[in-house]
Protein backbone atom coordinates (compact mmCIF):
# COMPACT_ATOMS: atom_id res chain seq x y z
CA MET A 1 175.25 56.02 112.29
CA ARG A 2 175.34 52.99 110.04
CA GLN A 3 172.15 54.10 108.25
CA LEU A 4 173.63 57.54 107.72
CA LEU A 5 176.77 56.00 106.22
CA LEU A 6 174.65 53.88 103.82
CA LEU A 7 172.76 56.96 102.69
CA VAL A 8 176.02 58.81 102.01
CA LEU A 9 177.36 55.89 99.98
CA LEU A 10 174.10 55.67 97.98
CA PHE A 11 174.19 59.39 97.23
CA PHE A 12 177.84 59.07 96.15
CA LYS A 13 176.99 56.23 93.70
CA ILE A 14 174.07 58.20 92.24
CA SER A 15 176.32 61.24 91.81
CA ILE A 16 178.95 59.17 89.96
CA PHE A 17 176.26 57.63 87.71
CA SER A 18 174.79 61.07 86.93
CA ALA A 19 178.23 62.44 86.10
CA GLN A 20 178.88 59.57 83.71
CA GLU A 21 175.46 59.81 81.99
CA LYS A 22 175.69 61.10 78.43
CA VAL A 23 173.29 63.90 77.59
CA GLN A 24 172.50 64.90 74.01
CA ILE A 25 170.55 67.94 72.94
CA LYS A 26 168.65 67.34 69.73
CA LEU A 27 168.45 70.48 67.60
CA THR A 28 165.30 71.27 65.66
CA SER A 29 165.70 71.75 61.92
CA THR A 30 166.06 75.29 60.61
CA SER A 31 164.64 74.05 57.29
CA PRO A 32 161.97 71.48 58.15
CA SER A 33 160.79 69.24 55.35
CA ALA A 34 157.20 69.47 54.17
CA SER A 35 154.85 68.00 51.60
CA LEU A 36 151.40 68.75 50.34
CA GLN A 37 148.86 66.98 48.18
CA GLN A 38 146.04 68.83 46.49
CA GLU A 39 143.22 67.68 44.23
CA LEU A 40 142.71 70.15 41.40
CA GLY A 41 139.82 69.25 39.13
CA SER A 42 140.60 65.69 38.05
CA ALA A 43 144.34 66.01 38.81
CA THR A 44 146.21 65.23 42.03
CA ILE A 45 149.27 67.42 42.57
CA LYS A 46 151.98 66.67 45.12
CA ILE A 47 154.79 69.01 46.20
CA ALA A 48 157.76 68.07 48.41
CA TYR A 49 160.14 70.74 49.67
CA SER A 50 162.08 72.12 52.65
CA ARG A 51 161.01 75.26 54.50
CA PRO A 52 163.90 77.49 55.58
CA LEU A 53 163.27 80.11 58.27
CA ALA A 54 164.04 83.80 57.86
CA ARG A 55 165.70 84.13 61.31
CA SER A 56 166.02 87.92 61.10
CA ARG A 57 167.87 87.73 57.78
CA LYS A 58 167.13 89.75 54.65
CA ILE A 59 165.89 87.13 52.20
CA PHE A 60 165.41 88.24 48.62
CA GLY A 61 168.34 90.14 47.20
CA GLU A 62 170.71 88.87 49.92
CA LEU A 63 170.20 85.33 51.29
CA VAL A 64 168.54 84.49 47.97
CA PRO A 65 170.53 86.63 45.50
CA PHE A 66 168.71 88.23 42.61
CA ASP A 67 169.38 86.89 39.10
CA LYS A 68 170.85 83.60 40.34
CA LEU A 69 169.51 80.05 40.22
CA TRP A 70 167.74 79.02 43.46
CA ARG A 71 166.51 75.61 44.57
CA THR A 72 163.22 77.23 45.70
CA GLY A 73 163.57 76.04 49.26
CA ALA A 74 166.42 74.31 51.07
CA SER A 75 168.18 70.94 51.20
CA ASP A 76 167.10 68.74 48.27
CA CYS A 77 165.46 70.32 45.25
CA THR A 78 161.77 71.08 45.42
CA THR A 79 159.69 68.57 43.45
CA LEU A 80 156.23 68.66 41.89
CA THR A 81 154.33 65.55 40.81
CA THR A 82 151.08 65.46 38.84
CA ASP A 83 149.15 62.33 37.92
CA GLU A 84 147.73 63.88 34.74
CA ASP A 85 148.54 66.64 32.29
CA ILE A 86 147.90 70.12 33.72
CA VAL A 87 148.47 73.69 32.61
CA PHE A 88 151.32 75.07 34.70
CA GLY A 89 151.75 78.78 34.14
CA ASP A 90 150.65 78.99 30.53
CA THR A 91 152.20 75.71 29.31
CA ILE A 92 150.97 72.11 29.37
CA LEU A 93 152.94 70.03 31.88
CA LYS A 94 152.75 66.31 31.19
CA ALA A 95 151.96 63.85 33.98
CA GLY A 96 155.15 63.02 35.91
CA SER A 97 157.59 64.32 38.51
CA TYR A 98 159.72 67.44 38.12
CA SER A 99 162.09 69.68 40.03
CA LEU A 100 161.33 73.38 40.44
CA PHE A 101 163.97 76.09 40.30
CA THR A 102 163.60 79.84 40.23
CA ILE A 103 165.58 82.96 39.37
CA SER A 104 164.26 85.91 41.35
CA SER A 105 164.31 89.66 40.96
CA ASN A 106 162.47 92.48 42.68
CA THR A 107 159.77 92.62 39.99
CA GLU A 108 159.49 89.15 38.44
CA TRP A 109 160.61 85.56 38.84
CA ILE A 110 161.65 83.04 36.23
CA ILE A 111 160.01 79.69 37.02
CA ILE A 112 162.01 76.70 35.80
CA VAL A 113 160.62 73.18 35.42
CA ASN A 114 163.41 70.59 35.17
CA SER A 115 163.25 66.82 34.64
CA ASP A 116 165.97 65.89 37.20
CA THR A 117 164.41 65.26 40.63
CA SER A 118 167.52 63.70 42.21
CA LEU A 119 169.43 66.93 42.88
CA HIS A 120 170.58 68.27 46.23
CA GLY A 121 169.82 71.94 45.82
CA GLU A 122 171.36 73.45 42.71
CA ASN A 123 174.28 70.98 42.67
CA GLY A 124 174.38 69.20 39.33
CA TYR A 125 171.64 71.32 37.76
CA ASP A 126 171.68 70.97 33.98
CA GLU A 127 169.83 73.58 31.94
CA LYS A 128 169.57 71.06 29.09
CA LYS A 129 167.12 69.10 31.26
CA ASP A 130 164.73 72.04 31.56
CA ILE A 131 161.22 71.23 30.36
CA PHE A 132 160.28 74.90 30.05
CA ARG A 133 160.63 78.31 31.67
CA PHE A 134 158.23 81.22 32.10
CA LYS A 135 158.01 84.49 34.02
CA VAL A 136 155.56 85.57 36.73
CA PRO A 137 155.25 88.97 38.46
CA VAL A 138 156.22 89.54 42.09
CA GLU A 139 153.73 90.85 44.64
CA HIS A 140 155.02 92.67 47.73
CA ILE A 141 152.61 91.98 50.58
CA GLN A 142 152.11 93.32 54.11
CA ASN A 143 152.00 89.95 55.86
CA PHE A 144 155.44 88.68 56.86
CA TYR A 145 156.14 84.97 56.32
CA GLU A 146 158.88 83.76 58.64
CA THR A 147 158.81 80.30 57.08
CA PHE A 148 159.20 79.64 53.36
CA THR A 149 155.82 78.39 52.17
CA ILE A 150 154.40 76.75 49.07
CA GLU A 151 150.65 76.22 48.82
CA ILE A 152 147.96 75.51 46.24
CA ASN A 153 144.99 77.76 46.79
CA ASP A 154 142.20 79.88 45.25
CA ILE A 155 140.75 76.77 43.62
CA ASN A 156 137.52 77.17 41.68
CA SER A 157 134.89 74.78 40.33
CA LYS A 158 136.54 74.72 36.89
CA GLY A 159 139.65 73.05 38.33
CA GLU A 160 141.72 76.23 38.25
CA GLY A 161 143.91 77.57 41.04
CA PHE A 162 147.27 79.02 41.94
CA MET A 163 150.49 77.62 43.29
CA LYS A 164 151.69 80.31 45.70
CA ILE A 165 155.26 80.82 46.87
CA LEU A 166 155.53 83.00 49.98
CA TRP A 167 158.49 84.13 52.06
CA GLU A 168 159.36 87.34 53.85
CA ASN A 169 157.00 89.94 52.28
CA THR A 170 157.08 88.36 48.83
CA LEU A 171 154.32 86.47 47.02
CA VAL A 172 154.57 84.77 43.63
CA LYS A 173 151.48 83.17 42.06
CA ILE A 174 151.67 80.50 39.36
CA PRO A 175 148.40 79.70 37.56
CA LEU A 176 147.36 76.04 37.54
CA LYS A 177 144.59 74.38 35.58
CA SER A 178 143.32 70.82 35.38
CA LYS A 179 142.11 69.35 32.10
CA ALA A 180 138.78 68.44 33.77
CA ASP A 181 136.89 71.52 32.63
CA GLY A 182 138.04 71.14 29.03
CA ASP A 183 137.08 67.46 29.03
CA THR A 184 133.63 68.20 30.46
CA MET A 185 132.95 71.02 28.01
CA ALA A 186 134.06 68.80 25.11
CA LEU A 187 131.64 66.07 26.28
CA ILE A 188 128.78 68.60 26.53
CA ASP A 189 129.55 69.93 23.06
CA ASN A 190 129.70 66.45 21.57
CA TYR A 191 126.56 64.95 23.09
CA LEU A 192 124.27 67.92 23.67
CA VAL A 193 125.28 70.50 21.07
CA GLN A 194 126.33 68.27 18.19
CA LYS A 195 124.32 65.08 18.73
CA LYS A 196 121.32 66.70 20.46
CA SER A 197 121.14 63.97 23.10
CA GLN A 198 117.74 63.30 24.67
CA ASP A 199 119.16 61.73 27.83
CA ASP A 200 117.42 63.67 30.62
CA LYS A 201 120.13 62.86 33.17
CA LEU A 202 122.86 64.12 30.85
CA LEU A 203 120.84 67.28 30.18
CA PHE A 204 120.53 67.86 33.92
CA GLN A 205 124.24 67.20 34.54
CA ALA A 206 125.19 69.71 31.83
CA ALA A 207 122.83 72.32 33.27
CA ASN A 208 124.17 71.70 36.76
CA TYR A 209 127.77 72.02 35.53
CA TYR A 210 126.92 75.32 33.85
CA SER A 211 125.37 76.45 37.14
CA ILE A 212 128.34 75.64 39.39
CA THR A 213 130.86 77.07 36.91
CA ASN A 214 128.86 80.29 36.37
CA ARG A 215 128.27 79.77 32.68
CA ASP A 216 125.29 80.64 30.45
CA ALA A 217 122.23 80.28 32.70
CA SER A 218 119.81 80.63 29.78
CA GLN A 219 121.38 77.64 28.02
CA ALA A 220 121.22 75.64 31.24
CA ILE A 221 117.50 76.45 31.60
CA THR A 222 116.89 75.28 28.02
CA TRP A 223 118.47 71.91 28.85
CA LEU A 224 116.42 71.63 32.05
CA LEU A 225 113.16 72.30 30.21
CA GLU A 226 114.05 69.45 27.83
CA ALA A 227 114.90 67.19 30.78
CA GLU A 228 111.55 68.01 32.45
CA LYS A 229 109.67 66.95 29.32
CA LEU A 230 111.52 63.61 29.34
CA ASP A 231 111.00 63.02 33.09
CA PRO A 232 108.17 65.22 34.43
CA GLU A 233 108.32 63.74 37.95
CA ASN A 234 111.97 64.46 38.74
CA PHE A 235 112.07 67.08 41.52
CA TYR A 236 115.66 68.13 40.85
CA TYR A 237 115.02 69.45 37.34
CA PRO A 238 112.52 72.25 38.17
CA ASN A 239 114.28 72.91 41.47
CA LEU A 240 117.56 73.73 39.69
CA ARG A 241 115.63 75.71 37.07
CA GLN A 242 114.13 77.99 39.73
CA LYS A 243 117.61 78.72 41.10
CA LEU A 244 118.90 79.68 37.65
CA ALA A 245 115.81 81.77 36.97
CA VAL A 246 116.46 83.75 40.15
CA ASP A 247 120.04 84.36 39.00
CA LEU A 248 118.55 85.88 35.84
CA LYS A 249 115.95 87.76 37.92
CA ASP A 250 113.26 85.99 35.92
CA TYR A 251 110.87 85.72 38.88
CA PRO A 252 107.81 84.55 36.89
CA MET A 253 109.81 81.52 35.70
CA ALA A 254 111.19 80.98 39.21
CA ILE A 255 107.64 80.91 40.60
CA GLU A 256 106.41 78.53 37.88
CA ALA A 257 109.35 76.14 38.35
CA THR A 258 109.03 76.21 42.14
CA LYS A 259 105.30 75.42 42.00
CA LYS A 260 106.14 72.46 39.78
CA ALA A 261 108.81 71.30 42.24
CA ILE A 262 106.35 71.60 45.13
CA ALA A 263 103.77 69.53 43.26
CA ILE A 264 106.33 66.77 42.72
CA MET A 265 107.24 66.92 46.41
CA GLY A 266 103.58 66.35 47.25
CA LEU A 267 103.35 63.35 44.96
CA LYS A 268 106.51 61.79 46.38
CA LYS A 269 105.88 62.91 49.97
CA LEU A 270 109.15 64.85 50.17
CA LYS A 271 109.85 67.34 52.96
CA GLY A 272 110.80 71.00 52.61
CA ALA A 273 107.86 72.41 50.66
CA GLU A 274 107.29 75.20 53.19
CA LYS A 275 110.70 76.75 52.43
CA LEU A 276 109.91 76.78 48.72
CA LYS A 277 106.49 78.33 49.36
CA ALA A 278 108.18 81.09 51.35
CA LYS A 279 110.41 81.78 48.34
CA ILE A 280 107.37 82.14 46.11
CA ASP A 281 105.90 84.71 48.53
CA GLU A 282 109.20 86.61 48.42
CA TRP A 283 109.34 86.67 44.61
CA GLU A 284 105.68 87.65 44.27
CA LEU A 285 106.37 90.59 46.58
CA ILE A 286 109.32 91.63 44.39
CA LEU A 287 107.11 91.52 41.28
CA LYS A 288 104.40 93.50 43.05
CA ASN A 289 106.85 96.20 44.13
CA ASN A 290 108.30 96.42 40.61
CA LYS A 291 104.93 97.21 39.02
């Protein structure tokens, strides 16, 4: 009986403690914060923003009214930071940090780059602090984006890409471009075109850059032939030349360059010659069938 009484008292104390315990339910954010960092050519671009959810609401034209200034997200203003000058849209954007605002319509958006990054939404926005504005077309897409999204994508080897804004069934694409390609092409023009450099490594680098950026393959081959004369035992020079020759469907040159690469591999005891020999067989068959 005594044990039963003790158990009842213990249960009573636990019940009182449970009743007095404070319980808090933490709500998840309906506009979670986000950030992204993307290397683009020689530039590093950072974007910080909040990502509101659609939550069964009509977005553009209602929640985000047409023809009115929008923070391009939620909470604090969306910011973009670049560590070097880039082309944003069709205008040079100097290295620094900026806020991004937009004015939407059903067919095009006005993109606004502003110097004030301290704003909470549109509060305190001053048009006099705009760096520049430009317009981009709207794309209406099939995929539905529940969460407001900003991404940098479709990047190519020239340091070009797009900043994409997606929400609901709307997509806006802003062209981006690093200065890297312009700097590289200026260096090539200065040292190889103007000064006629005889640095075999520089000749190879220029040819390789032309290859990866899909530029003039014939010019790249010319530079490689010069590099091969300066360093006849470098495997990489004829090996790249055979790849460019194939792009031009110049199979006799591809065969000649590959045989040269194989010979160098033999001298330096490098592996992989069998794969190159198989390519020669393939190209010789193509030439035979084309006769």
